[in-house]
C-alpha cells in the first residue's frame, strides 16, 4: 500500500520560513518523480515544484521561484519543500505527490499525501 505522509505545516508570520517533508512507503521511492502542489480556499489545486528521480533537476512555479526549494533524500524515502520569505498568498493546503512523468499537471501524478495546512499571517 502506497502512503505519502506529510507531517509539519503550521502557522508562520509573513517573511518567515517553514520546511515541509513527505515520507513515502510502499513504493520504490527513487523510481518516482516527486512534486508539491497547493490548494487555497476557493481555488484550484496548483503546481508548486517538482524534482526528478535522482534530484538532478528541479522546476518551480513562477510564484515561488527564488523563495522555495524542493529536495529529496532517496535513502530516507523523503522529499522536502523549504519555504522562505513566506507571503500571505502562500496560505494553502500543501500536498506532495508521486508520479512517473516529470510534469506540472496534477493529473500526471499517481499518489498523493493527505495534505498539510500552511497559514501565513500578515
PDB file of N, CA and C in Angstrom:
ATOM      1  N   UNK A   1       0.847  -1.190   0.000  1.00  0.00           N
ATOM      2  CA  UNK A   1       0.000   0.000   0.000  1.00  0.00           C
ATOM      3  C   UNK A   1       0.883   1.240   0.000  1.00  0.00           C
ATOM      4  N   UNK A   2       0.632   2.106  -0.960  1.00  0.00           N
ATOM      5  CA  UNK A   2       1.424   3.322  -1.078  1.00  0.00           C
ATOM      6  C   UNK A   2       0.919   4.367  -0.089  1.00  0.00           C
ATOM      7  N   UNK A   3       1.858   4.949   0.629  1.00  0.00           N
ATOM      8  CA  UNK A   3       1.493   6.032   1.542  1.00  0.00           C
ATOM      9  C   UNK A   3       2.483   7.168   1.422  1.00  0.00           C
ATOM     10  N   UNK A   4       1.954   8.368   1.368  1.00  0.00           N
ATOM     11  CA  UNK A   4       2.756   9.585   1.434  1.00  0.00           C
ATOM     12  C   UNK A   4       2.262  10.353   2.651  1.00  0.00           C
ATOM     13  N   UNK A   5       3.147  10.539   3.606  1.00  0.00           N
ATOM     14  CA  UNK A   5       2.752  11.150   4.869  1.00  0.00           C
ATOM     15  C   UNK A   5       3.475  12.476   5.032  1.00  0.00           C
ATOM     16  N   UNK A   6       2.708  13.499   5.311  1.00  0.00           N
ATOM     17  CA  UNK A   6       3.245  14.852   5.419  1.00  0.00           C
ATOM     18  C   UNK A   6       3.025  15.423   6.806  1.00  0.00           C
ATOM     19  N   UNK A   7       3.957  15.242   7.692  1.00  0.00           N
ATOM     20  CA  UNK A   7       3.862  15.974   8.956  1.00  0.00           C
ATOM     21  C   UNK A   7       4.261  17.427   8.705  1.00  0.00           C
ATOM     22  N   UNK A   8       4.224  18.234   9.679  1.00  0.00           N
ATOM     23  CA  UNK A   8       4.675  19.609   9.511  1.00  0.00           C
ATOM     24  C   UNK A   8       3.535  20.525   9.115  1.00  0.00           C
ATOM     25  N   UNK A   9       3.869  21.608   8.467  1.00  0.00           N
ATOM     26  CA  UNK A   9       2.893  22.649   8.217  1.00  0.00           C
ATOM     27  C   UNK A   9       2.760  23.500   9.461  1.00  0.00           C
ATOM     28  N   UNK A  10       1.825  24.430   9.430  1.00  0.00           N
ATOM     29  CA  UNK A  10       1.608  25.248  10.603  1.00  0.00           C
ATOM     30  C   UNK A  10       1.388  26.702  10.272  1.00  0.00           C
ATOM     31  N   UNK A  11       1.483  27.532  11.317  1.00  0.00           N
ATOM     32  CA  UNK A  11       1.250  28.966  11.205  1.00  0.00           C
ATOM     33  C   UNK A  11       2.573  29.698  11.302  1.00  0.00           C
ATOM     34  N   UNK A  12       2.797  30.633  10.379  1.00  0.00           N
ATOM     35  CA  UNK A  12       4.039  31.406  10.374  1.00  0.00           C
ATOM     36  C   UNK A  12       3.722  32.833   9.949  1.00  0.00           C
ATOM     37  N   UNK A  13       4.516  33.765  10.425  1.00  0.00           N
ATOM     38  CA  UNK A  13       4.328  35.163  10.039  1.00  0.00           C
ATOM     39  C   UNK A  13       4.928  35.423   8.663  1.00  0.00           C
ATOM     40  N   UNK A  14       4.393  36.406   7.993  1.00  0.00           N
ATOM     41  CA  UNK A  14       4.932  36.804   6.693  1.00  0.00           C
ATOM     42  C   UNK A  14       6.422  37.115   6.819  1.00  0.00           C
ATOM     43  N   UNK A  15       7.170  36.620   5.841  1.00  0.00           N
ATOM     44  CA  UNK A  15       8.619  36.791   5.867  1.00  0.00           C
ATOM     45  C   UNK A  15       9.350  35.640   6.519  1.00  0.00           C
ATOM     46  N   UNK A  16       8.606  34.771   7.166  1.00  0.00           N
ATOM     47  CA  UNK A  16       9.202  33.641   7.859  1.00  0.00           C
ATOM     48  C   UNK A  16       9.443  32.447   6.958  1.00  0.00           C
ATOM     49  N   UNK A  17       9.913  31.373   7.567  1.00  0.00           N
ATOM     50  CA  UNK A  17      10.257  30.155   6.830  1.00  0.00           C
ATOM     51  C   UNK A  17       9.586  28.952   7.446  1.00  0.00           C
ATOM     52  N   UNK A  18       9.430  27.938   6.598  1.00  0.00           N
ATOM     53  CA  UNK A  18       8.840  26.680   7.035  1.00  0.00           C
ATOM     54  C   UNK A  18       9.382  25.580   6.134  1.00  0.00           C
ATOM     55  N   UNK A  19       9.589  24.406   6.701  1.00  0.00           N
ATOM     56  CA  UNK A  19      10.046  23.266   5.910  1.00  0.00           C
ATOM     57  C   UNK A  19       9.029  22.146   6.000  1.00  0.00           C
ATOM     58  N   UNK A  20       8.543  21.734   4.843  1.00  0.00           N
ATOM     59  CA  UNK A  20       7.635  20.599   4.763  1.00  0.00           C
ATOM     60  C   UNK A  20       8.420  19.349   4.387  1.00  0.00           C
ATOM     61  N   UNK A  21       7.955  18.222   4.890  1.00  0.00           N
ATOM     62  CA  UNK A  21       8.542  16.943   4.497  1.00  0.00           C
ATOM     63  C   UNK A  21       7.426  15.987   4.109  1.00  0.00           C
ATOM     64  N   UNK A  22       7.788  14.993   3.335  1.00  0.00           N
ATOM     65  CA  UNK A  22       6.826  13.992   2.876  1.00  0.00           C
ATOM     66  C   UNK A  22       7.555  12.656   2.814  1.00  0.00           C
ATOM     67  N   UNK A  23       7.142  11.731   3.655  1.00  0.00           N
ATOM     68  CA  UNK A  23       7.783  10.421   3.722  1.00  0.00           C
ATOM     69  C   UNK A  23       6.942   9.392   2.976  1.00  0.00           C
ATOM     70  N   UNK A  24       7.600   8.643   2.104  1.00  0.00           N
ATOM     71  CA  UNK A  24       6.912   7.656   1.284  1.00  0.00           C
ATOM     72  C   UNK A  24       7.158   6.245   1.794  1.00  0.00           C
ATOM     73  N   UNK A  25       6.152   5.408   1.663  1.00  0.00           N
ATOM     74  CA  UNK A  25       6.289   3.984   1.968  1.00  0.00           C
ATOM     75  C   UNK A  25       5.443   3.197   0.978  1.00  0.00           C
ATOM     76  N   UNK A  26       5.817   1.945   0.789  1.00  0.00           N
ATOM     77  CA  UNK A  26       5.070   1.097  -0.134  1.00  0.00           C
ATOM     78  C   UNK A  26       5.402   1.309  -1.590  1.00  0.00           C
ATOM     79  N   UNK A  27       6.421   2.135  -1.870  1.00  0.00           N
ATOM     80  CA  UNK A  27       6.852   2.389  -3.246  1.00  0.00           C
ATOM     81  C   UNK A  27       8.370   2.362  -3.298  1.00  0.00           C
ATOM     82  N   UNK A  28       8.894   2.147  -4.496  1.00  0.00           N
ATOM     83  CA  UNK A  28      10.329   2.325  -4.711  1.00  0.00           C
ATOM     84  C   UNK A  28      10.534   3.807  -4.965  1.00  0.00           C
ATOM     85  N   UNK A  29      10.822   4.529  -3.898  1.00  0.00           N
ATOM     86  CA  UNK A  29      10.790   5.990  -3.921  1.00  0.00           C
ATOM     87  C   UNK A  29      11.656   6.564  -5.030  1.00  0.00           C
ATOM     88  N   UNK A  30      12.830   6.007  -5.227  1.00  0.00           N
ATOM     89  CA  UNK A  30      13.778   6.570  -6.191  1.00  0.00           C
ATOM     90  C   UNK A  30      13.311   6.418  -7.640  1.00  0.00           C
ATOM     91  N   UNK A  31      12.275   5.650  -7.880  1.00  0.00           N
ATOM     92  CA  UNK A  31      11.774   5.483  -9.239  1.00  0.00           C
ATOM     93  C   UNK A  31      10.662   6.466  -9.578  1.00  0.00           C
ATOM     94  N   UNK A  32      10.350   7.375  -8.658  1.00  0.00           N
ATOM     95  CA  UNK A  32       9.257   8.314  -8.869  1.00  0.00           C
ATOM     96  C   UNK A  32       9.739   9.759  -8.918  1.00  0.00           C
ATOM     97  N   UNK A  33       9.171  10.498  -9.858  1.00  0.00           N
ATOM     98  CA  UNK A  33       9.238  11.954  -9.820  1.00  0.00           C
ATOM     99  C   UNK A  33       8.365  12.403  -8.643  1.00  0.00           C
ATOM    100  N   UNK A  34       8.838  13.401  -7.936  1.00  0.00           N
ATOM    101  CA  UNK A  34       8.067  13.918  -6.803  1.00  0.00           C
ATOM    102  C   UNK A  34       7.695  15.376  -7.055  1.00  0.00           C
ATOM    103  N   UNK A  35       6.516  15.728  -6.574  1.00  0.00           N
ATOM    104  CA  UNK A  35       6.054  17.099  -6.757  1.00  0.00           C
ATOM    105  C   UNK A  35       5.347  17.615  -5.518  1.00  0.00           C
ATOM    106  N   UNK A  36       5.255  18.926  -5.451  1.00  0.00           N
ATOM    107  CA  UNK A  36       4.445  19.593  -4.429  1.00  0.00           C
ATOM    108  C   UNK A  36       3.398  20.438  -5.141  1.00  0.00           C
ATOM    109  N   UNK A  37       2.192  20.379  -4.630  1.00  0.00           N
ATOM    110  CA  UNK A  37       1.083  21.188  -5.109  1.00  0.00           C
ATOM    111  C   UNK A  37       0.444  21.869  -3.911  1.00  0.00           C
ATOM    112  N   UNK A  38      -0.396  22.855  -4.188  1.00  0.00           N
ATOM    113  CA  UNK A  38      -1.115  23.503  -3.096  1.00  0.00           C
ATOM    114  C   UNK A  38      -2.498  23.909  -3.561  1.00  0.00           C
ATOM    115  N   UNK A  39      -3.391  24.043  -2.592  1.00  0.00           N
ATOM    116  CA  UNK A  39      -4.758  24.465  -2.894  1.00  0.00           C
ATOM    117  C   UNK A  39      -5.237  25.419  -1.809  1.00  0.00           C
ATOM    118  N   UNK A  40      -5.536  26.627  -2.235  1.00  0.00           N
ATOM    119  CA  UNK A  40      -6.074  27.635  -1.330  1.00  0.00           C
ATOM    120  C   UNK A  40      -7.593  27.559  -1.366  1.00  0.00           C
ATOM    121  N   UNK A  41      -8.262  28.058  -0.324  1.00  0.00           N
ATOM    122  CA  UNK A  41      -9.730  28.011  -0.289  1.00  0.00           C
ATOM    123  C   UNK A  41     -10.345  28.682  -1.509  1.00  0.00           C
ATOM    124  N   UNK A  42     -11.263  27.988  -2.153  1.00  0.00           N
ATOM    125  CA  UNK A  42     -11.955  28.546  -3.296  1.00  0.00           C
ATOM    126  C   UNK A  42     -11.152  28.554  -4.589  1.00  0.00           C
ATOM    127  N   UNK A  43      -9.964  27.981  -4.548  1.00  0.00           N
ATOM    128  CA  UNK A  43      -9.115  27.965  -5.749  1.00  0.00           C
ATOM    129  C   UNK A  43      -8.803  26.527  -6.151  1.00  0.00           C
ATOM    130  N   UNK A  44      -8.367  26.381  -7.399  1.00  0.00           N
ATOM    131  CA  UNK A  44      -7.989  25.066  -7.877  1.00  0.00           C
ATOM    132  C   UNK A  44      -6.595  24.688  -7.357  1.00  0.00           C
ATOM    133  N   UNK A  45      -6.355  23.387  -7.349  1.00  0.00           N
ATOM    134  CA  UNK A  45      -5.033  22.913  -6.949  1.00  0.00           C
ATOM    135  C   UNK A  45      -4.000  23.397  -7.964  1.00  0.00           C
ATOM    136  N   UNK A  46      -2.875  23.918  -7.480  1.00  0.00           N
ATOM    137  CA  UNK A  46      -1.863  24.446  -8.388  1.00  0.00           C
ATOM    138  C   UNK A  46      -0.499  23.831  -8.112  1.00  0.00           C
ATOM    139  N   UNK A  47       0.278  23.750  -9.163  1.00  0.00           N
ATOM    140  CA  UNK A  47       1.634  23.218  -9.097  1.00  0.00           C
ATOM    141  C   UNK A  47       2.547  24.170  -8.341  1.00  0.00           C
ATOM    142  N   UNK A  48       3.440  23.619  -7.536  1.00  0.00           N
ATOM    143  CA  UNK A  48       4.422  24.421  -6.805  1.00  0.00           C
ATOM    144  C   UNK A  48       5.849  24.099  -7.272  1.00  0.00           C
ATOM    145  N   UNK A  49       6.213  22.806  -7.219  1.00  0.00           N
ATOM    146  CA  UNK A  49       7.593  22.421  -7.560  1.00  0.00           C
ATOM    147  C   UNK A  49       7.631  20.938  -7.889  1.00  0.00           C
ATOM    148  N   UNK A  50       8.655  20.545  -8.629  1.00  0.00           N
ATOM    149  CA  UNK A  50       8.859  19.126  -8.929  1.00  0.00           C
ATOM    150  C   UNK A  50      10.349  18.829  -8.952  1.00  0.00           C
ATOM    151  N   UNK A  51      10.690  17.553  -8.815  1.00  0.00           N
ATOM    152  CA  UNK A  51      12.083  17.131  -8.777  1.00  0.00           C
ATOM    153  C   UNK A  51      12.203  15.766  -9.442  1.00  0.00           C
ATOM    154  N   UNK A  52      13.258  15.616 -10.209  1.00  0.00           N
ATOM    155  CA  UNK A  52      13.485  14.346 -10.913  1.00  0.00           C
ATOM    156  C   UNK A  52      13.885  13.245  -9.946  1.00  0.00           C
ATOM    157  N   UNK A  53      13.922  12.019 -10.438  1.00  0.00           N
ATOM    158  CA  UNK A  53      14.133  10.853  -9.598  1.00  0.00           C
ATOM    159  C   UNK A  53      15.425  10.906  -8.789  1.00  0.00           C
ATOM    160  N   UNK A  54      16.497  11.326  -9.429  1.00  0.00           N
ATOM    161  CA  UNK A  54      17.767  11.374  -8.704  1.00  0.00           C
ATOM    162  C   UNK A  54      18.027  12.747  -8.100  1.00  0.00           C
ATOM    163  N   UNK A  55      17.119  13.694  -8.335  1.00  0.00           N
ATOM    164  CA  UNK A  55      17.255  15.016  -7.750  1.00  0.00           C
ATOM    165  C   UNK A  55      18.104  15.982  -8.544  1.00  0.00           C
ATOM    166  N   UNK A  56      18.516  15.582  -9.756  1.00  0.00           N
ATOM    167  CA  UNK A  56      19.449  16.443 -10.502  1.00  0.00           C
ATOM    168  C   UNK A  56      18.765  17.622 -11.161  1.00  0.00           C
ATOM    169  N   UNK A  57      17.453  17.584 -11.307  1.00  0.00           N
ATOM    170  CA  UNK A  57      16.733  18.701 -11.902  1.00  0.00           C
ATOM    171  C   UNK A  57      15.512  19.043 -11.071  1.00  0.00           C
ATOM    172  N   UNK A  58      15.242  20.335 -10.991  1.00  0.00           N
ATOM    173  CA  UNK A  58      14.062  20.817 -10.297  1.00  0.00           C
ATOM    174  C   UNK A  58      13.387  21.886 -11.150  1.00  0.00           C
ATOM    175  N   UNK A  59      12.119  22.138 -10.852  1.00  0.00           N
ATOM    176  CA  UNK A  59      11.367  23.156 -11.594  1.00  0.00           C
ATOM    177  C   UNK A  59      10.327  23.749 -10.659  1.00  0.00           C
ATOM    178  N   UNK A  60      10.112  25.067 -10.791  1.00  0.00           N
ATOM    179  CA  UNK A  60       9.238  25.770  -9.861  1.00  0.00           C
ATOM    180  C   UNK A  60       8.195  26.600 -10.585  1.00  0.00           C
ATOM    181  N   UNK A  61       7.079  26.787  -9.914  1.00  0.00           N
ATOM    182  CA  UNK A  61       6.114  27.771 -10.381  1.00  0.00           C
ATOM    183  C   UNK A  61       6.723  29.155 -10.226  1.00  0.00           C
ATOM    184  N   UNK A  62       6.353  30.064 -11.117  1.00  0.00           N
ATOM    185  CA  UNK A  62       6.905  31.420 -11.058  1.00  0.00           C
ATOM    186  C   UNK A  62       6.617  32.087  -9.712  1.00  0.00           C
ATOM    187  N   UNK A  63       5.495  31.752  -9.131  1.00  0.00           N
ATOM    188  CA  UNK A  63       5.075  32.414  -7.893  1.00  0.00           C
ATOM    189  C   UNK A  63       5.972  32.076  -6.698  1.00  0.00           C
ATOM    190  N   UNK A  64       6.726  30.972  -6.797  1.00  0.00           N
ATOM    191  CA  UNK A  64       7.569  30.568  -5.662  1.00  0.00           C
ATOM    192  C   UNK A  64       9.054  30.540  -6.014  1.00  0.00           C
ATOM    193  N   UNK A  65       9.380  30.765  -7.271  1.00  0.00           N
ATOM    194  CA  UNK A  65      10.773  30.690  -7.714  1.00  0.00           C
ATOM    195  C   UNK A  65      11.638  31.673  -6.939  1.00  0.00           C
ATOM    196  N   UNK A  66      12.764  31.173  -6.449  1.00  0.00           N
ATOM    197  CA  UNK A  66      13.672  32.010  -5.678  1.00  0.00           C
ATOM    198  C   UNK A  66      13.359  32.033  -4.192  1.00  0.00           C
ATOM    199  N   UNK A  67      12.189  31.527  -3.807  1.00  0.00           N
ATOM    200  CA  UNK A  67      11.806  31.503  -2.385  1.00  0.00           C
ATOM    201  C   UNK A  67      11.683  30.072  -1.848  1.00  0.00           C
ATOM    202  N   UNK A  68      11.252  29.144  -2.694  1.00  0.00           N
ATOM    203  CA  UNK A  68      11.050  27.752  -2.284  1.00  0.00           C
ATOM    204  C   UNK A  68      12.127  26.868  -2.907  1.00  0.00           C
ATOM    205  N   UNK A  69      12.483  25.812  -2.197  1.00  0.00           N
ATOM    206  CA  UNK A  69      13.442  24.837  -2.701  1.00  0.00           C
ATOM    207  C   UNK A  69      12.928  23.426  -2.434  1.00  0.00           C
ATOM    208  N   UNK A  70      12.839  22.645  -3.489  1.00  0.00           N
ATOM    209  CA  UNK A  70      12.462  21.243  -3.355  1.00  0.00           C
ATOM    210  C   UNK A  70      13.732  20.396  -3.365  1.00  0.00           C
ATOM    211  N   UNK A  71      13.755  19.371  -2.527  1.00  0.00           N
ATOM    212  CA  UNK A  71      14.893  18.450  -2.484  1.00  0.00           C
ATOM    213  C   UNK A  71      14.388  17.077  -2.070  1.00  0.00           C
ATOM    214  N   UNK A  72      15.240  16.082  -2.226  1.00  0.00           N
ATOM    215  CA  UNK A  72      14.844  14.734  -1.845  1.00  0.00           C
ATOM    216  C   UNK A  72      16.037  13.974  -1.292  1.00  0.00           C
ATOM    217  N   UNK A  73      15.727  13.005  -0.435  1.00  0.00           N
ATOM    218  CA  UNK A  73      16.728  12.101   0.101  1.00  0.00           C
ATOM    219  C   UNK A  73      16.219  10.698  -0.171  1.00  0.00           C
ATOM    220  N   UNK A  74      16.741  10.079  -1.212  1.00  0.00           N
ATOM    221  CA  UNK A  74      16.240   8.763  -1.611  1.00  0.00           C
ATOM    222  C   UNK A  74      16.567   7.681  -0.582  1.00  0.00           C
ATOM    223  N   UNK A  75      17.603   7.893   0.205  1.00  0.00           N
ATOM    224  CA  UNK A  75      17.938   6.922   1.252  1.00  0.00           C
ATOM    225  C   UNK A  75      16.898   6.941   2.374  1.00  0.00           C
ATOM    226  N   UNK A  76      16.232   8.092   2.519  1.00  0.00           N
ATOM    227  CA  UNK A  76      15.222   8.232   3.569  1.00  0.00           C
ATOM    228  C   UNK A  76      13.803   8.217   3.013  1.00  0.00           C
ATOM    229  N   UNK A  77      13.674   8.015   1.691  1.00  0.00           N
ATOM    230  CA  UNK A  77      12.349   7.996   1.054  1.00  0.00           C
ATOM    231  C   UNK A  77      11.547   9.255   1.376  1.00  0.00           C
ATOM    232  N   UNK A  78      12.219  10.386   1.328  1.00  0.00           N
ATOM    233  CA  UNK A  78      11.595  11.631   1.766  1.00  0.00           C
ATOM    234  C   UNK A  78      11.876  12.752   0.777  1.00  0.00           C
ATOM    235  N   UNK A  79      10.854  13.556   0.536  1.00  0.00           N
ATOM    236  CA  UNK A  79      11.005  14.778  -0.256  1.00  0.00           C
ATOM    237  C   UNK A  79      10.682  15.961   0.652  1.00  0.00           C
ATOM    238  N   UNK A  80      11.360  17.072   0.400  1.00  0.00           N
ATOM    239  CA  UNK A  80      11.228  18.254   1.247  1.00  0.00           C
ATOM    240  C   UNK A  80      10.823  19.464   0.409  1.00  0.00           C
ATOM    241  N   UNK A  81      10.216  20.431   1.090  1.00  0.00           N
ATOM    242  CA  UNK A  81       9.954  21.725   0.473  1.00  0.00           C
ATOM    243  C   UNK A  81      10.336  22.792   1.496  1.00  0.00           C
ATOM    244  N   UNK A  82      11.464  23.446   1.236  1.00  0.00           N
ATOM    245  CA  UNK A  82      11.898  24.546   2.086  1.00  0.00           C
ATOM    246  C   UNK A  82      11.256  25.823   1.565  1.00  0.00           C
ATOM    247  N   UNK A  83      10.500  26.497   2.420  1.00  0.00           N
ATOM    248  CA  UNK A  83       9.768  27.688   2.011  1.00  0.00           C
ATOM    249  C   UNK A  83      10.299  28.884   2.801  1.00  0.00           C
ATOM    250  N   UNK A  84      10.859  29.838   2.089  1.00  0.00           N
ATOM    251  CA  UNK A  84      11.409  31.047   2.709  1.00  0.00           C
ATOM    252  C   UNK A  84      10.643  32.274   2.244  1.00  0.00           C
ATOM    253  N   UNK A  85      10.797  33.358   2.970  1.00  0.00           N
ATOM    254  CA  UNK A  85      10.151  34.621   2.636  1.00  0.00           C
ATOM    255  C   UNK A  85       8.671  34.401   2.328  1.00  0.00           C
ATOM    256  N   UNK A  86       8.009  33.743   3.226  1.00  0.00           N
ATOM    257  CA  UNK A  86       6.609  33.386   3.001  1.00  0.00           C
ATOM    258  C   UNK A  86       5.718  34.620   2.973  1.00  0.00           C
ATOM    259  N   UNK A  87       4.679  34.522   2.150  1.00  0.00           N
ATOM    260  CA  UNK A  87       3.717  35.599   1.983  1.00  0.00           C
ATOM    261  C   UNK A  87       2.320  35.083   2.337  1.00  0.00           C
ATOM    262  N   UNK A  88       1.409  35.978   2.692  1.00  0.00           N
ATOM    263  CA  UNK A  88       0.034  35.529   2.967  1.00  0.00           C
ATOM    264  C   UNK A  88      -0.578  34.758   1.793  1.00  0.00           C
ATOM    265  N   UNK A  89      -0.192  35.109   0.566  1.00  0.00           N
ATOM    266  CA  UNK A  89      -0.710  34.400  -0.610  1.00  0.00           C
ATOM    267  C   UNK A  89      -0.243  32.950  -0.683  1.00  0.00           C
ATOM    268  N   UNK A  90       0.734  32.578   0.131  1.00  0.00           N
ATOM    269  CA  UNK A  90       1.206  31.190   0.163  1.00  0.00           C
ATOM    270  C   UNK A  90       0.316  30.310   1.040  1.00  0.00           C
ATOM    271  N   UNK A  91      -0.634  30.916   1.728  1.00  0.00           N
ATOM    272  CA  UNK A  91      -1.550  30.153   2.578  1.00  0.00           C
ATOM    273  C   UNK A  91      -2.360  29.169   1.750  1.00  0.00           C
ATOM    274  N   UNK A  92      -2.278  27.897   2.121  1.00  0.00           N
ATOM    275  CA  UNK A  92      -2.936  26.840   1.353  1.00  0.00           C
ATOM    276  C   UNK A  92      -2.724  25.514   2.063  1.00  0.00           C
ATOM    277  N   UNK A  93      -3.417  24.500   1.584  1.00  0.00           N
ATOM    278  CA  UNK A  93      -3.096  23.120   1.939  1.00  0.00           C
ATOM    279  C   UNK A  93      -2.067  22.630   0.924  1.00  0.00           C
ATOM    280  N   UNK A  94      -0.961  22.133   1.422  1.00  0.00           N
ATOM    281  CA  UNK A  94       0.121  21.666   0.566  1.00  0.00           C
ATOM    282  C   UNK A  94       0.105  20.140   0.490  1.00  0.00           C
ATOM    283  N   UNK A  95       0.245  19.635  -0.739  1.00  0.00           N
ATOM    284  CA  UNK A  95       0.222  18.195  -0.992  1.00  0.00           C
ATOM    285  C   UNK A  95       1.517  17.763  -1.671  1.00  0.00           C
ATOM    286  N   UNK A  96       2.071  16.644  -1.247  1.00  0.00           N
ATOM    287  CA  UNK A  96       3.136  16.028  -2.024  1.00  0.00           C
ATOM    288  C   UNK A  96       2.515  14.949  -2.908  1.00  0.00           C
ATOM    289  N   UNK A  97       3.196  14.651  -3.994  1.00  0.00           N
ATOM    290  CA  UNK A  97       2.668  13.685  -4.948  1.00  0.00           C
ATOM    291  C   UNK A  97       3.805  12.946  -5.624  1.00  0.00           C
ATOM    292  N   UNK A  98       3.518  11.724  -6.050  1.00  0.00           N
ATOM    293  CA  UNK A  98       4.500  10.880  -6.731  1.00  0.00           C
ATOM    294  C   UNK A  98       3.945  10.453  -8.076  1.00  0.00           C
ATOM    295  N   UNK A  99       4.786  10.511  -9.103  1.00  0.00           N
ATOM    296  CA  UNK A  99       4.352  10.117 -10.435  1.00  0.00           C
ATOM    297  C   UNK A  99       5.506   9.656 -11.287  1.00  0.00           C
ATOM    298  N   UNK A 100       5.171   9.251 -12.499  1.00  0.00           N
ATOM    299  CA  UNK A 100       6.189   8.762 -13.424  1.00  0.00           C
ATOM    300  C   UNK A 100       6.617   9.812 -14.439  1.00  0.00           C
ATOM    301  N   UNK A 101       5.825  10.865 -14.609  1.00  0.00           N
ATOM    302  CA  UNK A 101       6.156  11.898 -15.594  1.00  0.00           C
ATOM    303  C   UNK A 101       6.693  13.138 -14.893  1.00  0.00           C
ATOM    304  N   UNK A 102       7.697  13.741 -15.518  1.00  0.00           N
ATOM    305  CA  UNK A 102       8.267  14.997 -14.995  1.00  0.00           C
ATOM    306  C   UNK A 102       7.359  16.120 -15.495  1.00  0.00           C
ATOM    307  N   UNK A 103       6.308  16.361 -14.741  1.00  0.00           N
ATOM    308  CA  UNK A 103       5.199  17.173 -15.216  1.00  0.00           C
ATOM    309  C   UNK A 103       4.746  18.146 -14.138  1.00  0.00           C
ATOM    310  N   UNK A 104       4.063  19.194 -14.581  1.00  0.00           N
ATOM    311  CA  UNK A 104       3.453  20.152 -13.655  1.00  0.00           C
ATOM    312  C   UNK A 104       1.943  19.954 -13.541  1.00  0.00           C
ATOM    313  N   UNK A 105       1.416  18.945 -14.205  1.00  0.00           N
ATOM    314  CA  UNK A 105      -0.029  18.688 -14.175  1.00  0.00           C
ATOM    315  C   UNK A 105      -0.366  17.717 -13.068  1.00  0.00           C
ATOM    316  N   UNK A 106      -1.304  18.080 -12.229  1.00  0.00           N
ATOM    317  CA  UNK A 106      -1.636  17.207 -11.112  1.00  0.00           C
ATOM    318  C   UNK A 106      -2.134  15.859 -11.587  1.00  0.00           C
ATOM    319  N   UNK A 107      -2.765  15.822 -12.760  1.00  0.00           N
ATOM    320  CA  UNK A 107      -3.317  14.564 -13.265  1.00  0.00           C
ATOM    321  C   UNK A 107      -2.226  13.569 -13.675  1.00  0.00           C
ATOM    322  N   UNK A 108      -0.985  14.025 -13.788  1.00  0.00           N
ATOM    323  CA  UNK A 108       0.118  13.122 -14.130  1.00  0.00           C
ATOM    324  C   UNK A 108       0.717  12.439 -12.910  1.00  0.00           C
ATOM    325  N   UNK A 109       0.232  12.781 -11.736  1.00  0.00           N
ATOM    326  CA  UNK A 109       0.756  12.182 -10.511  1.00  0.00           C
ATOM    327  C   UNK A 109      -0.203  11.113  -9.994  1.00  0.00           C
ATOM    328  N   UNK A 110       0.377   9.995  -9.578  1.00  0.00           N
ATOM    329  CA  UNK A 110      -0.421   8.812  -9.251  1.00  0.00           C
ATOM    330  C   UNK A 110      -0.792   8.703  -7.776  1.00  0.00           C
ATOM    331  N   UNK A 111       0.080   9.175  -6.916  1.00  0.00           N
ATOM    332  CA  UNK A 111      -0.128   9.014  -5.483  1.00  0.00           C
ATOM    333  C   UNK A 111       0.000  10.367  -4.795  1.00  0.00           C
ATOM    334  N   UNK A 112      -0.835  10.552  -3.751  1.00  0.00           N
ATOM    335  CA  UNK A 112      -0.918  11.849  -3.082  1.00  0.00           C
ATOM    336  C   UNK A 112      -0.856  11.696  -1.573  1.00  0.00           C
ATOM    337  N   UNK A 113      -0.239  12.681  -0.934  1.00  0.00           N
ATOM    338  CA  UNK A 113      -0.315  12.778   0.503  1.00  0.00           C
ATOM    339  C   UNK A 113      -1.660  13.329   0.935  1.00  0.00           C
ATOM    340  N   UNK A 114      -1.870  13.354   2.239  1.00  0.00           N
ATOM    341  CA  UNK A 114      -3.169  13.791   2.773  1.00  0.00           C
ATOM    342  C   UNK A 114      -3.290  15.308   2.828  1.00  0.00           C
ATOM    343  N   UNK A 115      -2.177  15.991   2.653  1.00  0.00           N
ATOM    344  CA  UNK A 115      -2.188  17.443   2.691  1.00  0.00           C
ATOM    345  C   UNK A 115      -1.868  17.971   4.080  1.00  0.00           C
ATOM    346  N   UNK A 116      -1.211  19.115   4.108  1.00  0.00           N
ATOM    347  CA  UNK A 116      -0.891  19.770   5.368  1.00  0.00           C
ATOM    348  C   UNK A 116      -1.138  21.266   5.226  1.00  0.00           C
ATOM    349  N   UNK A 117      -1.734  21.862   6.241  1.00  0.00           N
ATOM    350  CA  UNK A 117      -2.120  23.271   6.177  1.00  0.00           C
ATOM    351  C   UNK A 117      -0.929  24.177   6.486  1.00  0.00           C
ATOM    352  N   UNK A 118      -0.723  25.137   5.620  1.00  0.00           N
ATOM    353  CA  UNK A 118       0.251  26.202   5.862  1.00  0.00           C
ATOM    354  C   UNK A 118      -0.508  27.521   5.870  1.00  0.00           C
ATOM    355  N   UNK A 119      -0.381  28.258   6.946  1.00  0.00           N
ATOM    356  CA  UNK A 119      -1.050  29.548   7.078  1.00  0.00           C
ATOM    357  C   UNK A 119      -0.004  30.619   7.346  1.00  0.00           C
ATOM    358  N   UNK A 120      -0.005  31.651   6.516  1.00  0.00           N
ATOM    359  CA  UNK A 120       0.941  32.748   6.656  1.00  0.00           C
ATOM    360  C   UNK A 120       0.157  33.994   7.052  1.00  0.00           C
ATOM    361  N   UNK A 121       0.470  34.510   8.216  1.00  0.00           N
ATOM    362  CA  UNK A 121      -0.235  35.691   8.712  1.00  0.00           C
ATOM    363  C   UNK A 121       0.502  36.956   8.310  1.00  0.00           C
ATOM    364  N   UNK A 122      -0.261  38.006   8.089  1.00  0.00           N
ATOM    365  CA  UNK A 122       0.351  39.286   7.672  1.00  0.00           C
ATOM    366  C   UNK A 122       0.720  40.150   8.867  1.00  0.00           C
TER     367      UNK A 122
END
